[in-house]
Amino acid sequence: MTNSWSVTDSMGNVHQITFTKNAFGKAKCIVDGDTYKMKSKNWVIWMADHQISIPGAECNLVVIGNKVRLAVNGTYLEDGTPYEPIRNIPAWVNVLAAVDAFGGYFMCGIIGLAIGVVASLLAYKMVLDKKNTGAAAAILIVALVLEVVLMFVVGILLA
């Protein structure tokens, strides 16, 4: 995946900013030929907020999953919305998502894994969209309870 932007600073100089990410998750930002490695802030979903300083313009390259956006002087280029720093995903969301996915697989197999993954994706989306994190916790807990109930139902039917 490669994204590229041309940014004009306050002195009229044009700067080329390019973001590339390969299939293995390695990402880099190239500013006027200078390469900078980027790292994700989260081990589950690719998240980065890289500040780029060029004379006369403050740029922020924001990456969440496969969505890449560039903000120049506090405004995103593609839609003109104001720049907001990305927020970190709380550790408890990562732990509950892992328990849902792996616990679901070990309790119910593929069906439990699917329930856990879907619930985890919904919870991550709610947290990243700055919605109620309590609702995200509720989704993950309900999914875990559903997996446990499914495990007992399958166990009774197979016995």
Protein backbone atom coordinates (compact mmCIF):
# COMPACT_ATOMS: atom_id res chain seq x y z
CA MET A 1 0.00 0.00 0.00
CA THR A 2 1.40 3.39 -0.99
CA ASN A 3 -0.06 6.84 -0.47
CA SER A 4 1.53 10.06 -1.65
CA TRP A 5 0.89 13.77 -1.08
CA SER A 6 2.41 17.04 -2.25
CA VAL A 7 2.46 19.72 0.44
CA THR A 8 3.33 23.37 -0.18
CA ASP A 9 4.87 25.18 2.79
CA SER A 10 4.48 28.87 3.66
CA MET A 11 7.49 29.82 1.48
CA GLY A 12 6.01 28.17 -1.63
CA ASN A 13 8.29 25.11 -1.62
CA VAL A 14 6.64 21.83 -2.58
CA HIS A 15 7.42 18.80 -0.40
CA GLN A 16 6.65 15.21 -1.35
CA ILE A 17 5.35 12.95 1.48
CA THR A 18 4.91 9.23 0.81
CA PHE A 19 3.68 6.46 3.09
CA THR A 20 4.33 2.81 2.24
CA LYS A 21 3.43 -0.37 4.11
CA ASN A 22 4.32 -3.85 2.93
CA ALA A 23 2.43 -7.11 3.43
CA PHE A 24 4.41 -7.90 6.59
CA GLY A 25 3.36 -4.71 8.40
CA LYS A 26 6.63 -2.79 7.95
CA ALA A 27 5.85 0.85 7.29
CA LYS A 28 7.88 3.89 6.41
CA CYS A 29 7.32 7.55 5.72
CA ILE A 30 9.40 9.22 3.02
CA VAL A 31 9.68 13.02 3.18
CA ASP A 32 11.59 14.61 0.29
CA GLY A 33 13.68 11.44 -0.10
CA ASP A 34 14.43 10.99 3.62
CA THR A 35 13.06 7.71 4.98
CA TYR A 36 11.64 7.30 8.49
CA LYS A 37 10.53 3.96 9.94
CA MET A 38 7.11 3.92 11.57
CA LYS A 39 5.91 1.64 14.36
CA SER A 40 2.41 0.78 15.44
CA LYS A 41 1.15 1.88 18.84
CA ASN A 42 -0.92 -1.29 19.21
CA TRP A 43 -0.15 -4.98 18.69
CA VAL A 44 -3.62 -5.88 17.38
CA ILE A 45 -4.48 -3.09 14.95
CA TRP A 46 -1.96 -0.97 13.02
CA MET A 47 -2.06 2.54 14.54
CA ALA A 48 0.45 5.35 14.12
CA ASP A 49 0.52 9.13 14.42
CA HIS A 50 3.77 10.39 12.90
CA GLN A 51 4.61 14.09 13.15
CA ILE A 52 6.44 15.59 10.17
CA SER A 53 8.11 18.97 10.53
CA ILE A 54 8.74 20.90 7.36
CA PRO A 55 9.46 24.64 7.34
CA GLY A 56 6.21 26.55 7.45
CA ALA A 57 3.92 23.54 7.90
CA GLU A 58 3.20 21.04 10.66
CA CYS A 59 2.07 17.72 9.23
CA ASN A 60 0.70 14.63 10.95
CA LEU A 61 0.52 11.29 9.16
CA VAL A 62 -2.24 9.27 10.83
CA VAL A 63 -2.63 5.55 10.09
CA ILE A 64 -5.38 3.37 11.56
CA GLY A 65 -5.60 -0.07 9.98
CA ASN A 66 -5.63 0.51 6.23
CA LYS A 67 -6.86 4.12 6.49
CA VAL A 68 -4.05 6.63 5.90
CA ARG A 69 -4.64 10.38 6.31
CA LEU A 70 -2.40 13.43 6.24
CA ALA A 71 -3.17 16.53 8.31
CA VAL A 72 -1.43 19.79 7.44
CA ASN A 73 -1.55 22.64 9.96
CA GLY A 74 -4.33 20.95 11.92
CA THR A 75 -6.63 20.03 9.01
CA TYR A 76 -6.93 16.73 7.13
CA LEU A 77 -6.31 17.19 3.41
CA GLU A 78 -8.97 14.85 2.00
CA ASP A 79 -12.02 16.18 3.84
CA GLY A 80 -11.01 19.35 5.71
CA THR A 81 -11.93 18.02 9.16
CA PRO A 82 -9.79 19.12 12.10
CA TYR A 83 -6.89 16.93 13.17
CA GLU A 84 -7.27 15.01 16.41
CA PRO A 85 -4.46 12.84 17.79
CA ILE A 86 -5.33 9.17 17.79
CA ARG A 87 -6.12 7.77 21.16
CA ASN A 88 -4.60 4.63 22.52
CA ILE A 89 -6.72 1.54 22.84
CA PRO A 90 -7.02 0.61 26.52
CA ALA A 91 -5.15 -2.55 27.53
CA TRP A 92 -8.30 -4.19 28.86
CA VAL A 93 -9.84 -4.11 25.36
CA ASN A 94 -6.83 -6.01 23.99
CA VAL A 95 -7.01 -8.56 26.83
CA LEU A 96 -10.76 -9.14 26.48
CA ALA A 97 -10.44 -9.39 22.68
CA ALA A 98 -7.72 -12.05 23.03
CA VAL A 99 -9.76 -13.96 25.63
CA ASP A 100 -12.83 -13.80 23.37
CA ALA A 101 -11.03 -15.00 20.26
CA PHE A 102 -8.81 -17.71 21.76
CA GLY A 103 -11.26 -18.74 24.48
CA GLY A 104 -14.00 -19.01 21.89
CA TYR A 105 -11.84 -21.22 19.71
CA PHE A 106 -10.89 -23.56 22.55
CA MET A 107 -14.46 -23.72 23.89
CA CYS A 108 -16.47 -23.95 20.66
CA GLY A 109 -14.03 -24.29 17.77
CA ILE A 110 -14.45 -22.22 14.63
CA ILE A 111 -17.89 -20.89 15.60
CA GLY A 112 -16.55 -19.59 18.92
CA LEU A 113 -13.56 -18.05 17.17
CA ALA A 114 -15.87 -16.29 14.70
CA ILE A 115 -18.04 -14.92 17.53
CA GLY A 116 -14.94 -13.68 19.37
CA VAL A 117 -13.41 -12.05 16.32
CA VAL A 118 -16.63 -10.27 15.34
CA ALA A 119 -17.16 -9.00 18.89
CA SER A 120 -13.53 -7.85 19.07
CA LEU A 121 -13.79 -5.95 15.79
CA LEU A 122 -16.96 -4.20 16.98
CA ALA A 123 -15.32 -3.26 20.27
CA TYR A 124 -12.20 -1.89 18.53
CA LYS A 125 -14.36 0.15 16.16
CA MET A 126 -16.32 1.64 19.06
CA VAL A 127 -13.15 2.56 20.96
CA LEU A 128 -11.48 4.10 17.90
CA ASP A 129 -14.63 6.06 17.01
CA LYS A 130 -14.54 7.52 20.56
CA LYS A 131 -17.85 5.98 21.47
CA ASN A 132 -18.73 4.62 24.91
CA THR A 133 -15.99 2.23 26.03
CA GLY A 134 -18.43 0.69 28.50
CA ALA A 135 -20.50 -0.52 25.57
CA ALA A 136 -17.36 -2.01 24.01
CA ALA A 137 -16.71 -3.92 27.24
CA ALA A 138 -20.32 -5.10 27.27
CA ILE A 139 -20.03 -6.43 23.72
CA LEU A 140 -16.90 -8.42 24.59
CA ILE A 141 -18.39 -9.81 27.80
CA VAL A 142 -21.67 -10.77 26.11
CA ALA A 143 -19.70 -12.55 23.38
CA LEU A 144 -17.74 -14.47 26.01
CA VAL A 145 -20.96 -15.47 27.80
CA LEU A 146 -22.47 -16.53 24.46
CA GLU A 147 -19.43 -18.71 23.79
CA VAL A 148 -19.74 -20.37 27.22
CA VAL A 149 -23.46 -21.03 26.71
CA LEU A 150 -22.75 -22.40 23.23
CA MET A 151 -20.09 -24.69 24.71
CA PHE A 152 -22.58 -26.12 27.22
CA VAL A 153 -25.33 -26.54 24.61
CA VAL A 154 -22.97 -28.34 22.23
CA GLY A 155 -21.70 -30.48 25.13
CA ILE A 156 -25.23 -31.50 26.11
CA LEU A 157 -26.20 -32.29 22.51
CA LEU A 158 -23.09 -34.41 21.94
CA ALA A 159 -23.40 -36.29 25.25
